[in-house]
């Protein structure tokens, strides 16, 4: 199953909410996870507005992008408009 992850889902995952736990479970069972570039930009913008340290601003969107990349290696013809998926801590 292919999943496209939006900004809201990544935020819930990063804050460790109950909804974020559900996102983590879905990501773990997906064959392919995509995070559009616009979502990565929205995440970075949110973290900047919140005044988070620069390493967090850089790290979290990168992590989302990497999760997406990991799953794309399973697909021969992945969608070029999506980043393929970063592994989330605790994923099997």
N, C-alpha and C. Protein backbone atom coordinates (compact mmCIF):
# COMPACT_ATOMS: atom_id res chain seq x y z
N UNK A 1 0.84 -1.17 0.00
CA UNK A 1 0.00 0.00 0.00
C UNK A 1 0.89 1.25 0.00
N UNK A 2 0.54 2.23 -0.80
CA UNK A 2 1.26 3.49 -0.87
C UNK A 2 0.54 4.52 0.00
N UNK A 3 1.31 5.25 0.82
CA UNK A 3 0.76 6.28 1.68
C UNK A 3 1.44 7.60 1.35
N UNK A 4 0.64 8.66 1.20
CA UNK A 4 1.17 10.01 1.05
C UNK A 4 0.92 10.71 2.38
N UNK A 5 1.99 11.15 3.03
CA UNK A 5 1.90 11.71 4.37
C UNK A 5 1.85 13.24 4.29
N UNK A 6 0.84 13.83 4.95
CA UNK A 6 0.71 15.28 4.93
C UNK A 6 1.36 15.90 6.17
N UNK A 7 1.37 17.22 6.19
CA UNK A 7 2.02 17.97 7.26
C UNK A 7 1.44 17.61 8.63
N UNK A 8 0.13 17.56 8.72
CA UNK A 8 -0.54 17.27 9.98
C UNK A 8 -0.08 15.92 10.55
N UNK A 9 0.00 14.91 9.71
CA UNK A 9 0.41 13.59 10.17
C UNK A 9 1.84 13.61 10.71
N UNK A 10 2.76 14.28 10.00
CA UNK A 10 4.14 14.35 10.47
C UNK A 10 4.22 15.08 11.80
N UNK A 11 3.46 16.17 11.94
CA UNK A 11 3.49 16.93 13.20
C UNK A 11 3.00 16.06 14.35
N UNK A 12 1.90 15.35 14.13
CA UNK A 12 1.38 14.46 15.18
C UNK A 12 2.41 13.40 15.55
N UNK A 13 3.10 12.87 14.56
CA UNK A 13 4.13 11.87 14.81
C UNK A 13 5.28 12.46 15.63
N UNK A 14 5.75 13.64 15.22
CA UNK A 14 6.88 14.27 15.90
C UNK A 14 6.56 14.67 17.34
N UNK A 15 5.30 15.06 17.62
CA UNK A 15 4.98 15.44 19.00
C UNK A 15 4.63 14.22 19.86
N UNK A 16 4.51 13.07 19.23
CA UNK A 16 4.28 11.85 19.98
C UNK A 16 2.86 11.68 20.50
N UNK A 17 1.91 12.24 19.79
CA UNK A 17 0.51 12.16 20.22
C UNK A 17 -0.08 10.78 19.93
N UNK A 18 -1.29 10.56 20.40
CA UNK A 18 -2.01 9.31 20.13
C UNK A 18 -2.24 9.16 18.62
N UNK A 19 -2.59 10.27 17.97
CA UNK A 19 -2.76 10.23 16.52
C UNK A 19 -1.42 9.93 15.83
N UNK A 20 -0.35 10.48 16.39
CA UNK A 20 0.98 10.21 15.86
C UNK A 20 1.36 8.75 15.96
N UNK A 21 0.91 8.09 17.02
CA UNK A 21 1.16 6.66 17.17
C UNK A 21 0.46 5.89 16.06
N UNK A 22 -0.77 6.32 15.73
CA UNK A 22 -1.51 5.68 14.64
C UNK A 22 -0.77 5.88 13.31
N UNK A 23 -0.21 7.08 13.11
CA UNK A 23 0.57 7.36 11.90
C UNK A 23 1.78 6.43 11.84
N UNK A 24 2.46 6.28 12.96
CA UNK A 24 3.65 5.43 13.02
C UNK A 24 3.31 3.99 12.63
N UNK A 25 2.17 3.50 13.11
CA UNK A 25 1.75 2.15 12.77
C UNK A 25 1.46 2.02 11.28
N UNK A 26 0.80 3.02 10.70
CA UNK A 26 0.50 2.99 9.26
C UNK A 26 1.80 3.02 8.45
N UNK A 27 2.75 3.86 8.87
CA UNK A 27 4.02 3.94 8.15
C UNK A 27 4.75 2.61 8.19
N UNK A 28 4.68 1.95 9.33
CA UNK A 28 5.37 0.67 9.48
C UNK A 28 4.82 -0.42 8.59
N UNK A 29 3.55 -0.33 8.23
CA UNK A 29 2.95 -1.38 7.41
C UNK A 29 2.86 -1.01 5.93
N UNK A 30 3.26 0.20 5.57
CA UNK A 30 3.15 0.65 4.18
C UNK A 30 4.29 0.09 3.33
N UNK A 31 3.97 -0.19 2.08
CA UNK A 31 5.00 -0.61 1.13
C UNK A 31 5.76 0.60 0.61
N UNK A 32 5.07 1.72 0.49
CA UNK A 32 5.69 2.94 -0.02
C UNK A 32 5.09 4.13 0.71
N UNK A 33 5.96 5.03 1.16
CA UNK A 33 5.53 6.24 1.86
C UNK A 33 6.07 7.43 1.09
N UNK A 34 5.20 8.36 0.76
CA UNK A 34 5.61 9.57 0.05
C UNK A 34 5.33 10.80 0.90
N UNK A 35 6.27 11.72 0.86
CA UNK A 35 6.11 13.02 1.50
C UNK A 35 6.42 14.07 0.44
N UNK A 36 5.39 14.78 -0.05
CA UNK A 36 5.62 15.79 -1.08
C UNK A 36 6.57 16.90 -0.59
N UNK A 37 7.31 17.48 -1.50
CA UNK A 37 8.24 18.55 -1.17
C UNK A 37 7.53 19.71 -0.46
N UNK A 38 6.29 20.00 -0.85
CA UNK A 38 5.54 21.10 -0.21
C UNK A 38 5.33 20.81 1.27
N UNK A 39 5.13 19.56 1.62
CA UNK A 39 4.97 19.19 3.03
C UNK A 39 6.27 19.43 3.79
N UNK A 40 7.39 19.07 3.19
CA UNK A 40 8.69 19.31 3.84
C UNK A 40 8.90 20.80 4.09
N UNK A 41 8.51 21.63 3.13
CA UNK A 41 8.63 23.08 3.28
C UNK A 41 7.70 23.59 4.39
N UNK A 42 6.48 23.06 4.44
CA UNK A 42 5.54 23.46 5.50
C UNK A 42 6.07 23.08 6.88
N UNK A 43 6.66 21.91 6.99
CA UNK A 43 7.23 21.48 8.27
C UNK A 43 8.35 22.42 8.70
N UNK A 44 9.26 22.72 7.79
CA UNK A 44 10.36 23.63 8.12
C UNK A 44 9.83 24.99 8.54
N UNK A 45 8.84 25.51 7.81
CA UNK A 45 8.25 26.81 8.14
C UNK A 45 7.62 26.82 9.52
N UNK A 46 6.91 25.76 9.86
CA UNK A 46 6.28 25.66 11.18
C UNK A 46 7.33 25.67 12.28
N UNK A 47 8.39 24.90 12.09
CA UNK A 47 9.43 24.83 13.12
C UNK A 47 10.15 26.17 13.28
N UNK A 48 10.35 26.89 12.17
CA UNK A 48 10.97 28.22 12.23
C UNK A 48 10.06 29.19 12.98
N UNK A 49 8.76 29.19 12.65
CA UNK A 49 7.81 30.08 13.34
C UNK A 49 7.74 29.80 14.83
N UNK A 50 7.91 28.54 15.21
CA UNK A 50 7.86 28.17 16.62
C UNK A 50 9.17 28.48 17.34
N UNK A 51 10.17 28.92 16.60
CA UNK A 51 11.44 29.29 17.20
C UNK A 51 12.29 28.10 17.63
N UNK A 52 12.08 26.95 17.00
CA UNK A 52 12.89 25.78 17.34
C UNK A 52 14.33 25.98 16.88
N UNK A 53 15.22 25.30 17.54
CA UNK A 53 16.63 25.40 17.18
C UNK A 53 16.85 24.98 15.74
N UNK A 54 17.85 25.56 15.11
CA UNK A 54 18.09 25.31 13.69
C UNK A 54 18.32 23.84 13.38
N UNK A 55 18.95 23.11 14.30
CA UNK A 55 19.17 21.68 14.03
C UNK A 55 17.85 20.92 13.96
N UNK A 56 16.84 21.32 14.73
CA UNK A 56 15.52 20.68 14.68
C UNK A 56 14.84 21.03 13.36
N UNK A 57 14.96 22.31 12.96
CA UNK A 57 14.35 22.77 11.70
C UNK A 57 14.91 21.96 10.53
N UNK A 58 16.19 21.65 10.57
CA UNK A 58 16.82 20.88 9.49
C UNK A 58 16.56 19.39 9.64
N UNK A 59 16.58 18.89 10.87
CA UNK A 59 16.52 17.45 11.11
C UNK A 59 15.16 16.83 10.83
N UNK A 60 14.09 17.44 11.28
CA UNK A 60 12.78 16.81 11.17
C UNK A 60 12.29 16.67 9.73
N UNK A 61 12.34 17.74 8.92
CA UNK A 61 11.94 17.52 7.51
C UNK A 61 12.86 16.52 6.80
N UNK A 62 14.15 16.52 7.15
CA UNK A 62 15.07 15.56 6.56
C UNK A 62 14.66 14.14 6.96
N UNK A 63 14.27 13.96 8.22
CA UNK A 63 13.84 12.63 8.68
C UNK A 63 12.61 12.18 7.91
N UNK A 64 11.67 13.09 7.69
CA UNK A 64 10.47 12.76 6.92
C UNK A 64 10.85 12.35 5.51
N UNK A 65 11.79 13.08 4.92
CA UNK A 65 12.25 12.77 3.58
C UNK A 65 12.94 11.41 3.53
N UNK A 66 13.77 11.11 4.53
CA UNK A 66 14.50 9.85 4.56
C UNK A 66 13.55 8.67 4.74
N UNK A 67 12.52 8.80 5.55
CA UNK A 67 11.54 7.72 5.73
C UNK A 67 10.94 7.40 4.37
N UNK A 68 10.62 8.43 3.64
CA UNK A 68 10.04 8.23 2.31
C UNK A 68 11.02 7.53 1.38
N UNK A 69 12.30 7.90 1.42
CA UNK A 69 13.30 7.29 0.55
C UNK A 69 13.47 5.81 0.83
N UNK A 70 13.46 5.41 2.10
CA UNK A 70 13.65 4.01 2.46
C UNK A 70 12.62 3.12 1.78
N UNK A 71 11.38 3.54 1.74
CA UNK A 71 10.35 2.69 1.16
C UNK A 71 10.41 2.68 -0.36
N UNK A 72 10.94 3.72 -0.97
CA UNK A 72 10.97 3.77 -2.43
C UNK A 72 11.94 2.76 -3.02
N UNK A 73 12.92 2.34 -2.25
CA UNK A 73 13.86 1.36 -2.76
C UNK A 73 13.17 0.03 -3.03
N UNK A 74 11.99 -0.16 -2.45
CA UNK A 74 11.24 -1.39 -2.68
C UNK A 74 10.47 -1.33 -4.00
N UNK A 75 10.32 -0.13 -4.54
CA UNK A 75 9.54 0.06 -5.76
C UNK A 75 10.48 0.36 -6.92
N UNK A 76 10.28 -0.29 -8.05
CA UNK A 76 11.12 -0.02 -9.22
C UNK A 76 10.80 1.33 -9.84
N UNK A 77 9.52 1.70 -9.85
CA UNK A 77 9.11 2.95 -10.49
C UNK A 77 8.37 3.79 -9.46
N UNK A 78 9.12 4.47 -8.60
CA UNK A 78 8.46 5.30 -7.58
C UNK A 78 8.08 6.65 -8.17
N UNK A 79 7.10 7.29 -7.57
CA UNK A 79 6.60 8.60 -7.98
C UNK A 79 7.68 9.64 -7.73
N UNK A 80 8.16 10.29 -8.78
CA UNK A 80 9.24 11.26 -8.65
C UNK A 80 8.83 12.51 -7.88
N UNK A 81 7.52 12.78 -7.77
CA UNK A 81 7.08 13.97 -7.07
C UNK A 81 7.04 13.78 -5.56
N UNK A 82 7.32 12.58 -5.10
CA UNK A 82 7.29 12.30 -3.67
C UNK A 82 8.67 11.93 -3.18
N UNK A 83 8.90 12.26 -1.93
CA UNK A 83 10.07 11.73 -1.26
C UNK A 83 9.63 10.37 -0.75
N UNK A 84 10.48 9.46 -0.71
CA UNK A 84 10.10 8.18 -0.16
C UNK A 84 10.59 8.13 1.26
N UNK A 85 10.24 7.36 2.03
CA UNK A 85 10.10 7.41 3.46
C UNK A 85 11.27 7.18 4.41
N UNK A 86 11.35 7.99 5.51
CA UNK A 86 12.37 7.77 6.54
C UNK A 86 11.88 6.77 7.55
N UNK A 87 12.77 5.99 8.07
CA UNK A 87 12.42 5.08 9.15
C UNK A 87 12.20 5.88 10.42
N UNK A 88 11.15 5.53 11.15
CA UNK A 88 10.83 6.20 12.40
C UNK A 88 11.39 5.34 13.53
N UNK A 89 11.93 5.99 14.58
CA UNK A 89 12.48 5.24 15.69
C UNK A 89 11.47 4.22 16.19
N UNK A 90 11.93 3.02 16.45
CA UNK A 90 11.06 1.98 16.97
C UNK A 90 10.37 1.16 15.88
N UNK A 91 10.55 1.55 14.61
CA UNK A 91 9.95 0.77 13.53
C UNK A 91 10.74 -0.51 13.35
N UNK A 92 10.02 -1.56 13.04
CA UNK A 92 10.64 -2.87 12.84
C UNK A 92 11.23 -3.01 11.54
